[in-house]
Amino acid sequence: MRKGIHPENYRLVAFKDMSNEDVFLTKSTANTKETLEVEGVEYPLVKMEISRSSHPFYTGKKKLIDTAGRIDKFKTKYAKFKK
């Protein structure tokens, strides 16, 4: 490893998933101005839109888009205008 390129200021940071309010702690160097109290201790807070607790890959709740059904519905709807 090259010396002098890695940050030295790792600290515990609270990451909050805004879609389901899940909070987890991990070490990070992320800069933030907000804080959050977890179990009586105050940590810097990083807000996220999606995390391991809400991502469809990890939760197994994939959204299935029925493109074939939509195409068939479109064709039947506009078949009456066909000349």
C-alpha atoms as a PDB file:
ATOM      1  CA  MET A   1       0.000   0.000   0.000  1.00  0.00           C
ATOM      2  CA  ARG A   2       1.168   3.495  -0.748  1.00  0.00           C
ATOM      3  CA  LYS A   3       1.714   5.651   2.291  1.00  0.00           C
ATOM      4  CA  GLY A   4      -0.044   8.958   2.841  1.00  0.00           C
ATOM      5  CA  ILE A   5      -3.044   8.410   0.533  1.00  0.00           C
ATOM      6  CA  HIS A   6      -5.493   6.859   2.994  1.00  0.00           C
ATOM      7  CA  PRO A   7      -7.508   8.981   5.448  1.00  0.00           C
ATOM      8  CA  GLU A   8      -6.687   8.759   9.128  1.00  0.00           C
ATOM      9  CA  ASN A   9      -9.901  10.224  10.589  1.00  0.00           C
ATOM     10  CA  TYR A  10     -12.235   7.204  10.606  1.00  0.00           C
ATOM     11  CA  ARG A  11     -15.008   7.482  13.196  1.00  0.00           C
ATOM     12  CA  LEU A  12     -18.359   5.853  13.906  1.00  0.00           C
ATOM     13  CA  VAL A  13     -21.108   7.390  11.771  1.00  0.00           C
ATOM     14  CA  ALA A  14     -24.870   6.711  11.781  1.00  0.00           C
ATOM     15  CA  PHE A  15     -26.313   6.005   8.331  1.00  0.00           C
ATOM     16  CA  LYS A  16     -30.103   6.425   8.070  1.00  0.00           C
ATOM     17  CA  ASP A  17     -32.185   4.964   5.250  1.00  0.00           C
ATOM     18  CA  MET A  18     -34.865   7.591   4.625  1.00  0.00           C
ATOM     19  CA  SER A  19     -37.245   5.176   2.870  1.00  0.00           C
ATOM     20  CA  ASN A  20     -37.741   2.887   5.885  1.00  0.00           C
ATOM     21  CA  GLU A  21     -36.062   4.760   8.795  1.00  0.00           C
ATOM     22  CA  ASP A  22     -33.463   1.996   9.334  1.00  0.00           C
ATOM     23  CA  VAL A  23     -30.298   3.210  11.118  1.00  0.00           C
ATOM     24  CA  PHE A  24     -26.955   1.436  11.244  1.00  0.00           C
ATOM     25  CA  LEU A  25     -23.523   2.403  12.527  1.00  0.00           C
ATOM     26  CA  THR A  26     -20.260   1.961  10.695  1.00  0.00           C
ATOM     27  CA  LYS A  27     -16.856   3.615  10.465  1.00  0.00           C
ATOM     28  CA  SER A  28     -16.603   6.355   7.864  1.00  0.00           C
ATOM     29  CA  THR A  29     -14.825   9.582   6.961  1.00  0.00           C
ATOM     30  CA  ALA A  30     -17.983  11.167   5.506  1.00  0.00           C
ATOM     31  CA  ASN A  31     -18.415  14.833   6.402  1.00  0.00           C
ATOM     32  CA  THR A  32     -21.794  15.847   7.807  1.00  0.00           C
ATOM     33  CA  LYS A  33     -23.304  18.636   9.867  1.00  0.00           C
ATOM     34  CA  GLU A  34     -26.248  16.660  11.258  1.00  0.00           C
ATOM     35  CA  THR A  35     -26.153  14.331  14.263  1.00  0.00           C
ATOM     36  CA  LEU A  36     -28.353  11.524  15.553  1.00  0.00           C
ATOM     37  CA  GLU A  37     -28.593   9.994  19.008  1.00  0.00           C
ATOM     38  CA  VAL A  38     -28.420   6.189  19.011  1.00  0.00           C
ATOM     39  CA  GLU A  39     -28.674   4.371  22.353  1.00  0.00           C
ATOM     40  CA  GLY A  40     -27.737   7.510  24.267  1.00  0.00           C
ATOM     41  CA  VAL A  41     -24.658   8.329  22.187  1.00  0.00           C
ATOM     42  CA  GLU A  42     -24.605  11.093  19.573  1.00  0.00           C
ATOM     43  CA  TYR A  43     -23.135  10.246  16.149  1.00  0.00           C
ATOM     44  CA  PRO A  44     -22.677  12.203  12.906  1.00  0.00           C
ATOM     45  CA  LEU A  45     -25.623  11.426  10.579  1.00  0.00           C
ATOM     46  CA  VAL A  46     -25.528  10.560   6.869  1.00  0.00           C
ATOM     47  CA  LYS A  47     -28.953  10.268   5.182  1.00  0.00           C
ATOM     48  CA  MET A  48     -29.387   7.780   2.332  1.00  0.00           C
ATOM     49  CA  GLU A  49     -32.237   7.171  -0.109  1.00  0.00           C
ATOM     50  CA  ILE A  50     -31.649   3.424  -0.371  1.00  0.00           C
ATOM     51  CA  SER A  51     -29.605   0.897   1.608  1.00  0.00           C
ATOM     52  CA  ARG A  52     -29.295  -2.830   2.156  1.00  0.00           C
ATOM     53  CA  SER A  53     -32.561  -2.845   4.108  1.00  0.00           C
ATOM     54  CA  SER A  54     -34.642  -1.300   1.305  1.00  0.00           C
ATOM     55  CA  HIS A  55     -32.901  -2.305  -1.936  1.00  0.00           C
ATOM     56  CA  PRO A  56     -34.977  -4.814  -3.964  1.00  0.00           C
ATOM     57  CA  PHE A  57     -31.957  -7.064  -4.583  1.00  0.00           C
ATOM     58  CA  TYR A  58     -31.361  -7.614  -0.866  1.00  0.00           C
ATOM     59  CA  THR A  59     -35.002  -7.662   0.239  1.00  0.00           C
ATOM     60  CA  GLY A  60     -36.174 -10.038  -2.494  1.00  0.00           C
ATOM     61  CA  LYS A  61     -39.096  -7.772  -3.368  1.00  0.00           C
ATOM     62  CA  LYS A  62     -38.491  -7.209  -7.046  1.00  0.00           C
ATOM     63  CA  LYS A  63     -40.944  -5.238  -9.122  1.00  0.00           C
ATOM     64  CA  LEU A  64     -42.098  -7.160 -12.164  1.00  0.00           C
ATOM     65  CA  ILE A  65     -43.152  -5.049 -15.116  1.00  0.00           C
ATOM     66  CA  ASP A  66     -45.640  -6.819 -17.341  1.00  0.00           C
ATOM     67  CA  THR A  67     -44.560  -5.412 -20.702  1.00  0.00           C
ATOM     68  CA  ALA A  68     -46.203  -8.171 -22.746  1.00  0.00           C
ATOM     69  CA  GLY A  69     -49.541  -7.571 -21.030  1.00  0.00           C
ATOM     70  CA  ARG A  70     -49.294  -3.846 -21.637  1.00  0.00           C
ATOM     71  CA  ILE A  71     -48.578  -4.355 -25.326  1.00  0.00           C
ATOM     72  CA  ASP A  72     -51.520  -6.735 -25.725  1.00  0.00           C
ATOM     73  CA  LYS A  73     -53.783  -4.286 -23.917  1.00  0.00           C
ATOM     74  CA  PHE A  74     -52.653  -1.489 -26.249  1.00  0.00           C
ATOM     75  CA  LYS A  75     -53.275  -3.600 -29.367  1.00  0.00           C
ATOM     76  CA  THR A  76     -56.767  -4.645 -28.298  1.00  0.00           C
ATOM     77  CA  LYS A  77     -57.667  -1.081 -27.328  1.00  0.00           C
ATOM     78  CA  TYR A  78     -56.682   0.401 -30.699  1.00  0.00           C
ATOM     79  CA  ALA A  79     -57.689  -2.560 -32.884  1.00  0.00           C
ATOM     80  CA  LYS A  80     -61.099  -0.943 -33.437  1.00  0.00           C
ATOM     81  CA  PHE A  81     -59.412   1.978 -35.261  1.00  0.00           C
ATOM     82  CA  LYS A  82     -57.624  -0.355 -37.659  1.00  0.00           C
ATOM     83  CA  LYS A  83     -58.670   0.051 -41.314  1.00  0.00           C
END
